[in-house]
Each structure stands twice: as C-alpha cells, then as structure tokens.
Amino acid sequence: MRFNVPTFFLALTLATFSLAGCAKRHELPASAGLNEDDDAFCRANNVAAGSPEYVACRKDRDVQRSNAITRTDKKQRDLGEYMLNNPVRP
C-alpha cells in the first residue's frame, strides 16, 4: 500500500482545522456562576428595568464576567508557561 503524500497532508490539515474550530476562547467558565441571564438576575433582585440601579446591576454583571474570563485566561497562560519551563523527560 503506497501513501500519497500530498493527499495525506491535505487530510491532516483539514482534520487539524476541523478540530481547531472546536476550541473556543473567551467563554464563560462553568464554575463562574454567571450562566444565567443578566436581565433575569437583575429583575429577580427587584430592580426595575431602565432605572439607574438596573444599569449598575448590569454593569456589575459585566465586570464579574470579564473578571472570570480574565482569571481563566491567566490560569491557561500560567499552565502553558509552566509546561514550557518544566518539561517532563522520562
């Protein structure tokens, strides 16, 4: 059985791009606890839509979400840096 080298690399490239499309960044981590709808959260706390308290509530939720994403990205970068600086050699 002979391998057709260009076909093999083309298939490998397509598989790589397909799998890379599954990896998403800037997603909210499941453990962040901010998975519910911001509008529903603010209204559940008896804040009327359009009021200054409602706007502040939505901004607070945005800040919390941004902080959670930043923490997750930092942990991922730290792990990558640790793996580069501490290779395991059997």
N, C-alpha and C. Protein backbone atom coordinates (compact mmCIF):
# COMPACT_ATOMS: atom_id res chain seq x y z
N MET A 1 0.84 -1.17 0.00
CA MET A 1 0.00 0.00 0.00
C MET A 1 0.89 1.24 0.00
N ARG A 2 0.71 2.09 -0.99
CA ARG A 2 1.52 3.30 -1.11
C ARG A 2 0.73 4.49 -0.55
N PHE A 3 1.43 5.34 0.15
CA PHE A 3 0.81 6.56 0.66
C PHE A 3 1.00 7.68 -0.36
N ASN A 4 -0.06 8.35 -0.62
CA ASN A 4 0.00 9.53 -1.45
C ASN A 4 0.27 10.71 -0.53
N VAL A 5 1.50 11.20 -0.52
CA VAL A 5 1.94 12.19 0.46
C VAL A 5 1.10 13.47 0.41
N PRO A 6 0.85 14.08 -0.75
CA PRO A 6 0.05 15.31 -0.75
C PRO A 6 -1.37 15.09 -0.23
N THR A 7 -1.96 13.96 -0.55
CA THR A 7 -3.31 13.67 -0.05
C THR A 7 -3.30 13.49 1.46
N PHE A 8 -2.25 12.83 1.97
CA PHE A 8 -2.15 12.62 3.41
C PHE A 8 -2.04 13.96 4.15
N PHE A 9 -1.19 14.85 3.65
CA PHE A 9 -1.03 16.15 4.30
C PHE A 9 -2.28 17.00 4.16
N LEU A 10 -2.97 16.90 3.05
CA LEU A 10 -4.23 17.63 2.89
C LEU A 10 -5.27 17.14 3.90
N ALA A 11 -5.37 15.83 4.06
CA ALA A 11 -6.32 15.27 5.03
C ALA A 11 -5.93 15.66 6.45
N LEU A 12 -4.64 15.64 6.74
CA LEU A 12 -4.17 16.02 8.06
C LEU A 12 -4.47 17.49 8.34
N THR A 13 -4.27 18.35 7.36
CA THR A 13 -4.55 19.77 7.50
C THR A 13 -6.03 20.02 7.73
N LEU A 14 -6.88 19.35 6.97
CA LEU A 14 -8.32 19.52 7.15
C LEU A 14 -8.77 19.04 8.52
N ALA A 15 -8.22 17.93 8.99
CA ALA A 15 -8.58 17.43 10.32
C ALA A 15 -8.12 18.41 11.40
N THR A 16 -6.95 18.99 11.21
CA THR A 16 -6.43 19.95 12.19
C THR A 16 -7.32 21.18 12.28
N PHE A 17 -7.71 21.73 11.12
CA PHE A 17 -8.58 22.89 11.13
C PHE A 17 -9.96 22.57 11.70
N SER A 18 -10.45 21.38 11.43
CA SER A 18 -11.75 21.00 11.97
C SER A 18 -11.72 20.92 13.48
N LEU A 19 -10.67 20.34 14.02
CA LEU A 19 -10.55 20.22 15.47
C LEU A 19 -10.24 21.57 16.12
N ALA A 20 -9.49 22.40 15.44
CA ALA A 20 -9.17 23.72 15.99
C ALA A 20 -10.43 24.59 16.08
N GLY A 21 -11.39 24.36 15.21
CA GLY A 21 -12.63 25.11 15.26
C GLY A 21 -13.45 24.81 16.50
N CYS A 22 -13.20 23.67 17.12
CA CYS A 22 -13.92 23.31 18.33
C CYS A 22 -13.40 24.07 19.55
N ALA A 23 -12.16 24.49 19.50
CA ALA A 23 -11.57 25.19 20.63
C ALA A 23 -12.02 26.64 20.61
N LYS A 24 -12.65 27.06 21.68
CA LYS A 24 -13.14 28.43 21.77
C LYS A 24 -12.51 29.10 22.97
N ARG A 25 -12.15 30.35 22.78
CA ARG A 25 -11.64 31.13 23.89
C ARG A 25 -12.69 32.15 24.28
N HIS A 26 -12.50 32.75 25.39
CA HIS A 26 -13.38 33.79 25.91
C HIS A 26 -14.79 33.27 26.17
N GLU A 27 -14.87 32.04 26.55
CA GLU A 27 -16.15 31.51 27.01
C GLU A 27 -16.18 31.61 28.51
N LEU A 28 -17.35 31.78 29.03
CA LEU A 28 -17.51 31.86 30.46
C LEU A 28 -17.30 30.48 31.07
N PRO A 29 -16.42 30.36 32.06
CA PRO A 29 -16.23 29.06 32.70
C PRO A 29 -17.49 28.63 33.44
N ALA A 30 -17.72 27.34 33.44
CA ALA A 30 -18.94 26.81 34.07
C ALA A 30 -18.96 27.08 35.57
N SER A 31 -17.79 27.17 36.17
CA SER A 31 -17.74 27.38 37.62
C SER A 31 -17.89 28.84 38.03
N ALA A 32 -18.04 29.73 37.07
CA ALA A 32 -18.10 31.15 37.41
C ALA A 32 -19.43 31.53 38.05
N GLY A 33 -20.48 30.77 37.80
CA GLY A 33 -21.77 31.06 38.41
C GLY A 33 -22.51 32.21 37.76
N LEU A 34 -22.11 32.60 36.57
CA LEU A 34 -22.74 33.71 35.88
C LEU A 34 -23.45 33.22 34.61
N ASN A 35 -23.93 32.01 34.64
CA ASN A 35 -24.51 31.42 33.44
C ASN A 35 -25.94 31.90 33.18
N GLU A 36 -26.58 32.44 34.17
CA GLU A 36 -27.95 32.85 33.97
C GLU A 36 -28.02 34.19 33.25
N ASP A 37 -29.17 34.53 32.76
CA ASP A 37 -29.39 35.76 32.03
C ASP A 37 -29.25 36.96 32.96
N ASP A 38 -28.49 37.97 32.52
CA ASP A 38 -28.27 39.15 33.35
C ASP A 38 -29.57 39.90 33.63
N ASP A 39 -30.40 40.01 32.62
CA ASP A 39 -31.67 40.71 32.79
C ASP A 39 -32.53 40.02 33.84
N ALA A 40 -32.62 38.68 33.74
CA ALA A 40 -33.41 37.93 34.71
C ALA A 40 -32.83 38.07 36.12
N PHE A 41 -31.51 38.07 36.22
CA PHE A 41 -30.86 38.20 37.52
C PHE A 41 -31.19 39.55 38.15
N CYS A 42 -31.07 40.62 37.37
CA CYS A 42 -31.33 41.96 37.91
C CYS A 42 -32.80 42.15 38.26
N ARG A 43 -33.68 41.63 37.43
CA ARG A 43 -35.11 41.75 37.73
C ARG A 43 -35.52 40.91 38.93
N ALA A 44 -34.83 39.78 39.14
CA ALA A 44 -35.13 38.94 40.30
C ALA A 44 -34.78 39.65 41.60
N ASN A 45 -33.87 40.60 41.53
CA ASN A 45 -33.49 41.37 42.72
C ASN A 45 -34.33 42.63 42.87
N ASN A 46 -35.52 42.62 42.26
CA ASN A 46 -36.48 43.72 42.36
C ASN A 46 -35.91 45.06 41.89
N VAL A 47 -35.19 45.02 40.78
CA VAL A 47 -34.65 46.23 40.18
C VAL A 47 -35.44 46.49 38.91
N ALA A 48 -36.04 47.67 38.79
CA ALA A 48 -36.86 47.99 37.63
C ALA A 48 -35.96 48.28 36.42
N ALA A 49 -36.38 47.75 35.27
CA ALA A 49 -35.62 47.96 34.04
C ALA A 49 -35.59 49.44 33.69
N GLY A 50 -34.41 49.93 33.32
CA GLY A 50 -34.26 51.33 32.95
C GLY A 50 -33.84 52.24 34.08
N SER A 51 -33.92 51.76 35.29
CA SER A 51 -33.53 52.60 36.43
C SER A 51 -32.00 52.61 36.56
N PRO A 52 -31.47 53.59 37.28
CA PRO A 52 -30.01 53.62 37.49
C PRO A 52 -29.49 52.38 38.22
N GLU A 53 -30.30 51.82 39.11
CA GLU A 53 -29.90 50.60 39.81
C GLU A 53 -29.79 49.42 38.84
N TYR A 54 -30.70 49.38 37.86
CA TYR A 54 -30.69 48.32 36.85
C TYR A 54 -29.41 48.42 36.01
N VAL A 55 -29.08 49.63 35.60
CA VAL A 55 -27.88 49.85 34.80
C VAL A 55 -26.64 49.44 35.60
N ALA A 56 -26.60 49.81 36.87
CA ALA A 56 -25.48 49.44 37.73
C ALA A 56 -25.40 47.93 37.91
N CYS A 57 -26.55 47.28 38.05
CA CYS A 57 -26.58 45.82 38.19
C CYS A 57 -26.01 45.15 36.94
N ARG A 58 -26.43 45.60 35.76
CA ARG A 58 -25.93 45.03 34.51
C ARG A 58 -24.44 45.27 34.35
N LYS A 59 -23.97 46.46 34.74
CA LYS A 59 -22.54 46.75 34.65
C LYS A 59 -21.74 45.86 35.59
N ASP A 60 -22.27 45.66 36.80
CA ASP A 60 -21.61 44.77 37.77
C ASP A 60 -21.50 43.35 37.22
N ARG A 61 -22.56 42.87 36.59
CA ARG A 61 -22.53 41.53 36.00
C ARG A 61 -21.50 41.45 34.87
N ASP A 62 -21.41 42.51 34.07
CA ASP A 62 -20.41 42.53 33.00
C ASP A 62 -18.99 42.50 33.57
N VAL A 63 -18.76 43.25 34.64
CA VAL A 63 -17.45 43.27 35.27
C VAL A 63 -17.12 41.90 35.86
N GLN A 64 -18.09 41.28 36.50
CA GLN A 64 -17.87 39.95 37.08
C GLN A 64 -17.53 38.94 35.98
N ARG A 65 -18.25 39.00 34.87
CA ARG A 65 -18.00 38.09 33.77
C ARG A 65 -16.61 38.33 33.18
N SER A 66 -16.25 39.59 32.99
CA SER A 66 -14.94 39.93 32.45
C SER A 66 -13.82 39.44 33.38
N ASN A 67 -14.00 39.62 34.67
CA ASN A 67 -13.01 39.14 35.63
C ASN A 67 -12.87 37.62 35.60
N ALA A 68 -13.98 36.92 35.46
CA ALA A 68 -13.94 35.45 35.39
C ALA A 68 -13.19 34.99 34.14
N ILE A 69 -13.43 35.66 33.03
CA ILE A 69 -12.74 35.30 31.79
C ILE A 69 -11.25 35.61 31.91
N THR A 70 -10.92 36.74 32.51
CA THR A 70 -9.51 37.11 32.69
C THR A 70 -8.79 36.11 33.58
N ARG A 71 -9.44 35.67 34.67
CA ARG A 71 -8.83 34.67 35.55
C ARG A 71 -8.59 33.36 34.80
N THR A 72 -9.57 32.95 34.01
CA THR A 72 -9.44 31.70 33.26
C THR A 72 -8.30 31.79 32.25
N ASP A 73 -8.21 32.91 31.53
CA ASP A 73 -7.13 33.08 30.57
C ASP A 73 -5.77 33.09 31.26
N LYS A 74 -5.69 33.73 32.42
CA LYS A 74 -4.42 33.78 33.15
C LYS A 74 -4.01 32.39 33.61
N LYS A 75 -4.96 31.61 34.09
CA LYS A 75 -4.64 30.24 34.50
C LYS A 75 -4.14 29.42 33.33
N GLN A 76 -4.75 29.60 32.16
CA GLN A 76 -4.33 28.86 30.97
C GLN A 76 -2.92 29.28 30.54
N ARG A 77 -2.64 30.58 30.58
CA ARG A 77 -1.29 31.05 30.23
C ARG A 77 -0.27 30.53 31.24
N ASP A 78 -0.62 30.56 32.52
CA ASP A 78 0.30 30.06 33.55
C ASP A 78 0.59 28.58 33.35
N LEU A 79 -0.43 27.81 33.01
CA LEU A 79 -0.22 26.39 32.77
C LEU A 79 0.69 26.17 31.57
N GLY A 80 0.46 26.92 30.49
CA GLY A 80 1.32 26.79 29.32
C GLY A 80 2.75 27.17 29.62
N GLU A 81 2.94 28.23 30.39
CA GLU A 81 4.28 28.65 30.76
C GLU A 81 4.95 27.61 31.66
N TYR A 82 4.20 27.05 32.58
CA TYR A 82 4.76 26.01 33.45
C TYR A 82 5.19 24.80 32.63
N MET A 83 4.36 24.42 31.66
CA MET A 83 4.68 23.25 30.85
C MET A 83 5.92 23.51 29.98
N LEU A 84 6.09 24.74 29.51
CA LEU A 84 7.28 25.06 28.72
C LEU A 84 8.54 25.08 29.57
N ASN A 85 8.43 25.59 30.78
CA ASN A 85 9.60 25.74 31.65
C ASN A 85 9.95 24.48 32.43
N ASN A 86 9.03 23.53 32.52
CA ASN A 86 9.27 22.31 33.30
C ASN A 86 8.91 21.08 32.47
N PRO A 87 9.68 20.81 31.43
CA PRO A 87 9.35 19.64 30.60
C PRO A 87 9.60 18.35 31.37
N VAL A 88 8.78 17.39 31.10
CA VAL A 88 8.92 16.06 31.73
C VAL A 88 9.73 15.19 30.79
N ARG A 89 10.81 14.67 31.30
CA ARG A 89 11.64 13.78 30.50
C ARG A 89 11.68 12.42 31.17
N PRO A 90 11.10 11.43 30.49
CA PRO A 90 11.09 10.09 31.10
C PRO A 90 12.45 9.43 31.13
